[in-house]
Amino acid sequence: MSEIQFKNGNGRFSEAVIHNGIIYTSGIVGDTPGADASLQTKEILAHFDRILAENHSDRKHILDLTVIIPDIRKNVNVVGDIINAWVNQDALPARFTYQGLLVSPLWNVEISMRAAQK
């Protein structure tokens, strides 16, 4: 049986869990509550870059992204354009985007990611 690694736990959940060479992240929100979806998305993707680097992976190894947007009509294109510019164009991950409520109205986007380690 392979080891399961729990990374950056906060007492409620882990930021990432690694099993069989796959990195699973929790839903990540931006660092700036109340900021627009553009800034929050960029902050989330910066977290993903750090998580990938810390766990021997990179953008080319992203398997999928799950994107939750509370006001999808207002923000889906903004969030989508930023993600499109960020992902590796030669290794486009699967993506699922949907409208859903987040734990606070100050968050405009939440994203989780799965990636393979190198």
Foldseek 3Di string as FASTA:
>chain_A
DDDKDFDCDDVPGGQWIDDPQKIWGDWDWAPDFQDDQLRRLVRVVVVVQVVQVVQQHHLLFWAEKEKEFQPCVPPVVSNVVVVVVVHDPVRDHHYHYDYDDDPDPRTGMIMITMGGHD
